[in-house]
C-alpha atoms as a PDB file:
ATOM      1  CA  UNK A   1     117.472  87.322  68.700  1.00  0.00           C
ATOM      2  CA  UNK A   2     115.262  90.027  70.186  1.00  0.00           C
ATOM      3  CA  UNK A   3     112.675  91.536  67.842  1.00  0.00           C
ATOM      4  CA  UNK A   4     112.510  95.333  67.570  1.00  0.00           C
ATOM      5  CA  UNK A   5     109.034  96.629  66.834  1.00  0.00           C
ATOM      6  CA  UNK A   6     108.332  99.050  64.021  1.00  0.00           C
ATOM      7  CA  UNK A   7     106.333 102.180  64.854  1.00  0.00           C
ATOM      8  CA  UNK A   8     104.182 101.789  61.744  1.00  0.00           C
ATOM      9  CA  UNK A   9     103.124  98.230  62.604  1.00  0.00           C
ATOM     10  CA  UNK A  10     101.208  96.788  65.551  1.00  0.00           C
ATOM     11  CA  UNK A  11     102.429  93.247  64.949  1.00  0.00           C
ATOM     12  CA  UNK A  12     104.240  91.334  67.701  1.00  0.00           C
ATOM     13  CA  UNK A  13     106.408  88.251  67.148  1.00  0.00           C
ATOM     14  CA  UNK A  14     104.917  84.856  68.040  1.00  0.00           C
ATOM     15  CA  UNK A  15     104.943  84.162  71.773  1.00  0.00           C
ATOM     16  CA  UNK A  16     107.230  81.180  71.324  1.00  0.00           C
ATOM     17  CA  UNK A  17     109.937  83.611  70.205  1.00  0.00           C
ATOM     18  CA  UNK A  18     110.205  85.018  73.750  1.00  0.00           C
ATOM     19  CA  UNK A  19     113.615  84.594  75.345  1.00  0.00           C
ATOM     20  CA  UNK A  20     114.231  82.048  78.066  1.00  0.00           C
ATOM     21  CA  UNK A  21     116.670  84.417  79.769  1.00  0.00           C
ATOM     22  CA  UNK A  22     115.488  86.880  80.823  1.00  0.00           C
ATOM     23  CA  UNK A  23     112.307  84.845  81.044  1.00  0.00           C
ATOM     24  CA  UNK A  24     109.665  86.054  78.652  1.00  0.00           C
ATOM     25  CA  UNK A  25     111.321  89.036  76.975  1.00  0.00           C
ATOM     26  CA  UNK A  26     109.527  89.079  73.627  1.00  0.00           C
ATOM     27  CA  UNK A  27     110.291  92.386  71.922  1.00  0.00           C
ATOM     28  CA  UNK A  28     111.536  95.935  72.360  1.00  0.00           C
ATOM     29  CA  UNK A  29     110.647  99.330  70.954  1.00  0.00           C
ATOM     30  CA  UNK A  30     107.411 100.569  69.512  1.00  0.00           C
ATOM     31  CA  UNK A  31     105.262 102.952  71.534  1.00  0.00           C
ATOM     32  CA  UNK A  32     102.510 103.072  74.147  1.00  0.00           C
ATOM     33  CA  UNK A  33      99.610 104.279  72.013  1.00  0.00           C
ATOM     34  CA  UNK A  34      96.260 102.680  72.908  1.00  0.00           C
ATOM     35  CA  UNK A  35      96.029 100.538  69.775  1.00  0.00           C
ATOM     36  CA  UNK A  36      99.419  98.938  70.474  1.00  0.00           C
ATOM     37  CA  UNK A  37      98.700  98.354  74.162  1.00  0.00           C
ATOM     38  CA  UNK A  38      95.383  96.693  73.361  1.00  0.00           C
ATOM     39  CA  UNK A  39      97.042  94.532  70.728  1.00  0.00           C
ATOM     40  CA  UNK A  40      99.779  93.575  73.190  1.00  0.00           C
ATOM     41  CA  UNK A  41      97.332  92.245  75.777  1.00  0.00           C
ATOM     42  CA  UNK A  42      95.316  90.483  73.115  1.00  0.00           C
ATOM     43  CA  UNK A  43      98.527  88.876  71.872  1.00  0.00           C
ATOM     44  CA  UNK A  44      99.617  87.781  75.366  1.00  0.00           C
ATOM     45  CA  UNK A  45     102.332  90.261  76.304  1.00  0.00           C
ATOM     46  CA  UNK A  46     102.659  93.419  78.380  1.00  0.00           C
ATOM     47  CA  UNK A  47     105.080  96.364  78.702  1.00  0.00           C
ATOM     48  CA  UNK A  48     107.543  96.479  81.576  1.00  0.00           C
ATOM     49  CA  UNK A  49     110.557  98.766  81.584  1.00  0.00           C
ATOM     50  CA  UNK A  50     112.193 101.577  83.535  1.00  0.00           C
ATOM     51  CA  UNK A  51     113.261 105.104  82.702  1.00  0.00           C
ATOM     52  CA  UNK A  52     116.275 105.074  80.417  1.00  0.00           C
ATOM     53  CA  UNK A  53     115.329 101.721  78.857  1.00  0.00           C
ATOM     54  CA  UNK A  54     113.541 101.113  75.572  1.00  0.00           C
ATOM     55  CA  UNK A  55     109.967  99.861  75.879  1.00  0.00           C
ATOM     56  CA  UNK A  56     110.243  96.140  76.663  1.00  0.00           C
ATOM     57  CA  UNK A  57     107.437  93.648  76.021  1.00  0.00           C
ATOM     58  CA  UNK A  58     107.149  90.433  78.057  1.00  0.00           C
ATOM     59  CA  UNK A  59     105.344  87.102  77.901  1.00  0.00           C
ATOM     60  CA  UNK A  60     106.743  84.939  80.729  1.00  0.00           C
ATOM     61  CA  UNK A  61     106.498  81.173  80.819  1.00  0.00           C
ATOM     62  CA  UNK A  62     105.000  80.088  83.119  1.00  0.00           C
ATOM     63  CA  UNK A  63     102.367  82.808  83.597  1.00  0.00           C
ATOM     64  CA  UNK A  64     100.885  83.638  87.001  1.00  0.00           C
ATOM     65  CA  UNK A  65      97.092  83.749  87.015  1.00  0.00           C
ATOM     66  CA  UNK A  66      94.215  83.454  89.431  1.00  0.00           C
ATOM     67  CA  UNK A  67      91.046  81.557  88.606  1.00  0.00           C
ATOM     68  CA  UNK A  68      88.104  83.191  90.430  1.00  0.00           C
ATOM     69  CA  UNK A  69      86.954  79.862  91.877  1.00  0.00           C
ATOM     70  CA  UNK A  70      90.429  79.316  93.359  1.00  0.00           C
ATOM     71  CA  UNK A  71      90.502  82.535  95.386  1.00  0.00           C
ATOM     72  CA  UNK A  72      91.852  81.811  98.871  1.00  0.00           C
ATOM     73  CA  UNK A  73      90.748  84.012 101.763  1.00  0.00           C
ATOM     74  CA  UNK A  74      92.566  83.272 105.019  1.00  0.00           C
ATOM     75  CA  UNK A  75      90.724  83.338 108.320  1.00  0.00           C
ATOM     76  CA  UNK A  76      92.465  86.536 109.340  1.00  0.00           C
ATOM     77  CA  UNK A  77      91.582  88.224 106.060  1.00  0.00           C
ATOM     78  CA  UNK A  78      87.983  87.018 106.303  1.00  0.00           C
ATOM     79  CA  UNK A  79      87.811  88.645 109.732  1.00  0.00           C
ATOM     80  CA  UNK A  80      89.033  91.944 108.286  1.00  0.00           C
ATOM     81  CA  UNK A  81      86.400  91.730 105.561  1.00  0.00           C
ATOM     82  CA  UNK A  82      83.645  91.062 108.106  1.00  0.00           C
ATOM     83  CA  UNK A  83      84.743  93.992 110.226  1.00  0.00           C
ATOM     84  CA  UNK A  84      84.125  96.349 107.330  1.00  0.00           C
ATOM     85  CA  UNK A  85      87.011  98.603 108.290  1.00  0.00           C
ATOM     86  CA  UNK A  86      87.541  99.548 104.629  1.00  0.00           C
ATOM     87  CA  UNK A  87      85.225 100.785 101.869  1.00  0.00           C
ATOM     88  CA  UNK A  88      85.892  99.574  98.322  1.00  0.00           C
ATOM     89  CA  UNK A  89      84.958 101.416  95.126  1.00  0.00           C
ATOM     90  CA  UNK A  90      85.630 100.948  91.417  1.00  0.00           C
ATOM     91  CA  UNK A  91      86.768 103.606  88.938  1.00  0.00           C
ATOM     92  CA  UNK A  92      86.410 106.491  91.383  1.00  0.00           C
ATOM     93  CA  UNK A  93      90.071 107.571  91.528  1.00  0.00           C
ATOM     94  CA  UNK A  94      92.014 105.908  88.712  1.00  0.00           C
ATOM     95  CA  UNK A  95      94.673 108.615  88.467  1.00  0.00           C
ATOM     96  CA  UNK A  96      95.296 108.545  92.220  1.00  0.00           C
ATOM     97  CA  UNK A  97      95.586 104.747  92.219  1.00  0.00           C
ATOM     98  CA  UNK A  98      98.130 104.608  89.401  1.00  0.00           C
ATOM     99  CA  UNK A  99     100.166 107.388  91.016  1.00  0.00           C
ATOM    100  CA  UNK A 100     100.193 105.467  94.288  1.00  0.00           C
ATOM    101  CA  UNK A 101     101.236 102.281  92.488  1.00  0.00           C
ATOM    102  CA  UNK A 102     104.080 104.227  90.877  1.00  0.00           C
ATOM    103  CA  UNK A 103     105.360 105.649  94.165  1.00  0.00           C
ATOM    104  CA  UNK A 104     108.715 104.330  95.467  1.00  0.00           C
ATOM    105  CA  UNK A 105     108.556 101.132  97.505  1.00  0.00           C
ATOM    106  CA  UNK A 106     110.622 100.271 100.562  1.00  0.00           C
ATOM    107  CA  UNK A 107     112.495  97.628  98.563  1.00  0.00           C
ATOM    108  CA  UNK A 108     113.125  99.680  95.392  1.00  0.00           C
ATOM    109  CA  UNK A 109     114.001 103.248  94.470  1.00  0.00           C
ATOM    110  CA  UNK A 110     112.870 103.074  90.840  1.00  0.00           C
ATOM    111  CA  UNK A 111     109.474 102.403  89.291  1.00  0.00           C
ATOM    112  CA  UNK A 112     108.434 100.799  86.029  1.00  0.00           C
ATOM    113  CA  UNK A 113     105.209 102.844  86.063  1.00  0.00           C
ATOM    114  CA  UNK A 114     106.861 105.802  84.367  1.00  0.00           C
ATOM    115  CA  UNK A 115     105.061 109.030  83.494  1.00  0.00           C
ATOM    116  CA  UNK A 116     104.471 107.849  79.886  1.00  0.00           C
ATOM    117  CA  UNK A 117     103.058 104.582  81.254  1.00  0.00           C
ATOM    118  CA  UNK A 118     100.696 106.480  83.544  1.00  0.00           C
ATOM    119  CA  UNK A 119      99.510 108.650  80.670  1.00  0.00           C
ATOM    120  CA  UNK A 120      98.962 105.604  78.458  1.00  0.00           C
ATOM    121  CA  UNK A 121      96.821 103.751  80.999  1.00  0.00           C
ATOM    122  CA  UNK A 122      94.882 106.908  81.864  1.00  0.00           C
ATOM    123  CA  UNK A 123      93.900 107.053  78.201  1.00  0.00           C
ATOM    124  CA  UNK A 124      92.822 103.393  78.323  1.00  0.00           C
ATOM    125  CA  UNK A 125      90.759 104.262  81.398  1.00  0.00           C
ATOM    126  CA  UNK A 126      89.063 107.099  79.524  1.00  0.00           C
ATOM    127  CA  UNK A 127      88.216 104.566  76.809  1.00  0.00           C
ATOM    128  CA  UNK A 128      86.611 102.210  79.340  1.00  0.00           C
ATOM    129  CA  UNK A 129      89.272  99.492  79.095  1.00  0.00           C
ATOM    130  CA  UNK A 130      91.459 100.139  82.156  1.00  0.00           C
ATOM    131  CA  UNK A 131      89.831 100.117  85.583  1.00  0.00           C
ATOM    132  CA  UNK A 132      90.801 100.858  89.160  1.00  0.00           C
ATOM    133  CA  UNK A 133      89.853  99.483  92.535  1.00  0.00           C
ATOM    134  CA  UNK A 134      90.052 101.917  95.447  1.00  0.00           C
ATOM    135  CA  UNK A 135      90.221 100.998  99.117  1.00  0.00           C
ATOM    136  CA  UNK A 136      89.267 103.754 101.541  1.00  0.00           C
ATOM    137  CA  UNK A 137      89.582 104.208 105.287  1.00  0.00           C
ATOM    138  CA  UNK A 138      87.136 106.984 106.021  1.00  0.00           C
ATOM    139  CA  UNK A 139      87.987 109.393 103.173  1.00  0.00           C
ATOM    140  CA  UNK A 140      91.643 108.383 102.848  1.00  0.00           C
ATOM    141  CA  UNK A 141      92.827 106.241  99.934  1.00  0.00           C
ATOM    142  CA  UNK A 142      94.830 103.465 101.615  1.00  0.00           C
ATOM    143  CA  UNK A 143      94.996 100.778  98.955  1.00  0.00           C
ATOM    144  CA  UNK A 144      94.046  99.798  95.453  1.00  0.00           C
ATOM    145  CA  UNK A 145      94.955  98.270  92.144  1.00  0.00           C
ATOM    146  CA  UNK A 146      94.408  98.770  88.445  1.00  0.00           C
ATOM    147  CA  UNK A 147      94.286  96.674  85.295  1.00  0.00           C
ATOM    148  CA  UNK A 148      92.523  96.038  82.011  1.00  0.00           C
ATOM    149  CA  UNK A 149      89.223  94.245  81.422  1.00  0.00           C
ATOM    150  CA  UNK A 150      88.848  92.621  78.010  1.00  0.00           C
ATOM    151  CA  UNK A 151      86.202  90.035  77.256  1.00  0.00           C
ATOM    152  CA  UNK A 152      86.050  87.633  80.202  1.00  0.00           C
ATOM    153  CA  UNK A 153      89.649  88.294  81.278  1.00  0.00           C
ATOM    154  CA  UNK A 154      91.112  90.842  83.680  1.00  0.00           C
ATOM    155  CA  UNK A 155      94.770  91.787  83.257  1.00  0.00           C
ATOM    156  CA  UNK A 156      96.089  93.004  86.600  1.00  0.00           C
ATOM    157  CA  UNK A 157      98.891  95.547  86.461  1.00  0.00           C
ATOM    158  CA  UNK A 158      99.848  96.774  89.931  1.00  0.00           C
ATOM    159  CA  UNK A 159      98.545  97.279  93.453  1.00  0.00           C
ATOM    160  CA  UNK A 160      99.533  99.297  96.502  1.00  0.00           C
ATOM    161  CA  UNK A 161      98.750  99.313 100.212  1.00  0.00           C
ATOM    162  CA  UNK A 162      99.165 101.950 102.899  1.00  0.00           C
ATOM    163  CA  UNK A 163      97.286 100.064 105.624  1.00  0.00           C
ATOM    164  CA  UNK A 164      97.194  96.470 106.847  1.00  0.00           C
ATOM    165  CA  UNK A 165      95.479  94.158 104.342  1.00  0.00           C
ATOM    166  CA  UNK A 166      94.126  97.086 102.307  1.00  0.00           C
ATOM    167  CA  UNK A 167      95.312  95.801  98.932  1.00  0.00           C
ATOM    168  CA  UNK A 168      94.107  92.286  99.777  1.00  0.00           C
ATOM    169  CA  UNK A 169      90.650  93.596 100.623  1.00  0.00           C
ATOM    170  CA  UNK A 170      90.568  95.413  97.287  1.00  0.00           C
ATOM    171  CA  UNK A 171      91.756  92.368  95.377  1.00  0.00           C
ATOM    172  CA  UNK A 172      89.308  89.970  97.041  1.00  0.00           C
ATOM    173  CA  UNK A 173      86.430  92.362  96.407  1.00  0.00           C
ATOM    174  CA  UNK A 174      87.441  92.656  92.759  1.00  0.00           C
ATOM    175  CA  UNK A 175      87.706  88.894  92.279  1.00  0.00           C
ATOM    176  CA  UNK A 176      84.266  88.335  93.811  1.00  0.00           C
ATOM    177  CA  UNK A 177      82.748  90.874  91.430  1.00  0.00           C
ATOM    178  CA  UNK A 178      84.607  89.471  88.423  1.00  0.00           C
ATOM    179  CA  UNK A 179      83.322  86.006  89.261  1.00  0.00           C
ATOM    180  CA  UNK A 180      79.749  87.284  89.417  1.00  0.00           C
ATOM    181  CA  UNK A 181      80.255  89.087  86.106  1.00  0.00           C
ATOM    182  CA  UNK A 182      81.370  85.926  84.313  1.00  0.00           C
ATOM    183  CA  UNK A 183      85.126  86.487  84.175  1.00  0.00           C
ATOM    184  CA  UNK A 184      87.159  83.293  84.011  1.00  0.00           C
ATOM    185  CA  UNK A 185      90.734  84.428  84.720  1.00  0.00           C
ATOM    186  CA  UNK A 186      92.763  87.208  86.316  1.00  0.00           C
ATOM    187  CA  UNK A 187      96.218  87.628  84.789  1.00  0.00           C
ATOM    188  CA  UNK A 188      98.766  88.353  87.527  1.00  0.00           C
ATOM    189  CA  UNK A 189     101.770  88.216  85.177  1.00  0.00           C
ATOM    190  CA  UNK A 190     104.551  87.304  87.644  1.00  0.00           C
ATOM    191  CA  UNK A 191     104.398  85.367  90.944  1.00  0.00           C
ATOM    192  CA  UNK A 192     104.654  87.126  94.294  1.00  0.00           C
ATOM    193  CA  UNK A 193     104.168  85.766  97.791  1.00  0.00           C
ATOM    194  CA  UNK A 194     101.267  88.206  98.175  1.00  0.00           C
ATOM    195  CA  UNK A 195      99.400  86.839  95.145  1.00  0.00           C
ATOM    196  CA  UNK A 196     100.200  83.191  95.836  1.00  0.00           C
ATOM    197  CA  UNK A 197      98.719  83.573  99.320  1.00  0.00           C
ATOM    198  CA  UNK A 198      95.450  84.612  97.655  1.00  0.00           C
ATOM    199  CA  UNK A 199      95.284  81.515  95.462  1.00  0.00           C
ATOM    200  CA  UNK A 200      97.275  82.527  92.391  1.00  0.00           C
ATOM    201  CA  UNK A 201      98.931  79.731  90.425  1.00  0.00           C
ATOM    202  CA  UNK A 202     101.166  79.326  87.401  1.00  0.00           C
ATOM    203  CA  UNK A 203     100.145  77.950  84.028  1.00  0.00           C
ATOM    204  CA  UNK A 204     102.122  77.470  80.840  1.00  0.00           C
ATOM    205  CA  UNK A 205     102.329  80.207  78.245  1.00  0.00           C
ATOM    206  CA  UNK A 206     100.490  77.919  75.829  1.00  0.00           C
ATOM    207  CA  UNK A 207      97.626  77.416  78.292  1.00  0.00           C
ATOM    208  CA  UNK A 208      97.443  81.162  78.861  1.00  0.00           C
ATOM    209  CA  UNK A 209      97.264  81.714  75.100  1.00  0.00           C
ATOM    210  CA  UNK A 210      94.344  79.286  75.050  1.00  0.00           C
ATOM    211  CA  UNK A 211      92.444  81.466  77.522  1.00  0.00           C
ATOM    212  CA  UNK A 212      93.077  84.455  75.278  1.00  0.00           C
ATOM    213  CA  UNK A 213      91.756  82.609  72.248  1.00  0.00           C
ATOM    214  CA  UNK A 214      88.662  81.312  74.032  1.00  0.00           C
ATOM    215  CA  UNK A 215      87.600  84.286  76.158  1.00  0.00           C
ATOM    216  CA  UNK A 216      88.890  87.622  74.822  1.00  0.00           C
ATOM    217  CA  UNK A 217      85.933  88.072  72.499  1.00  0.00           C
ATOM    218  CA  UNK A 218      83.292  86.705  74.864  1.00  0.00           C
ATOM    219  CA  UNK A 219      80.925  89.104  76.596  1.00  0.00           C
ATOM    220  CA  UNK A 220      80.702  89.591  80.359  1.00  0.00           C
ATOM    221  CA  UNK A 221      78.194  91.150  82.718  1.00  0.00           C
ATOM    222  CA  UNK A 222      80.669  93.739  84.002  1.00  0.00           C
ATOM    223  CA  UNK A 223      79.173  96.897  85.481  1.00  0.00           C
ATOM    224  CA  UNK A 224      82.054  99.023  86.713  1.00  0.00           C
ATOM    225  CA  UNK A 225      79.834 101.992  87.445  1.00  0.00           C
ATOM    226  CA  UNK A 226      77.369 100.181  89.706  1.00  0.00           C
END
């Protein structure tokens, strides 16, 4: 039976209570205030829903992650990186990145990054928890991604690309910095061909929970403003 969250409590049900079908649906309801969102990621779940639906919270099994040491850069992508055709920045245009991620895609007319979701993550950005990666061609924003950094873990949320390999360049640059800063895992949530081509893999929900336990409260050398 699906658990409905109470607005006056930040508690989530145990991860092993998530449904098998649809895979990982853990709870519904609640709200998107910063304290609940932070607790959700610390617990091992994330919000994913569309307009007209209640807030849905997910913890899929298996979980798609990328270990920084396992990053795969193809020869063609390495060539693009060497050419320096794009400039990559961090936290310079968070609002623009999340709006671009929310824009309609060629394969879908709806978005799960609703206006309330955008507002919620903008507040997390103002609090120094959510971060963006921007990819520029000259002065045009052509790619990027955003997510949350907590302890030695980065929780990726969404990415977009308006030019060849732009989002990959942003992702690779982020992973290289996270590795240098002492991060041990990037949460990718669900598998996509795009992420798997970059070295993402799946691990069990229990193994993912172990990373949370071991690394959420560890310090990193992150310097997003450098």
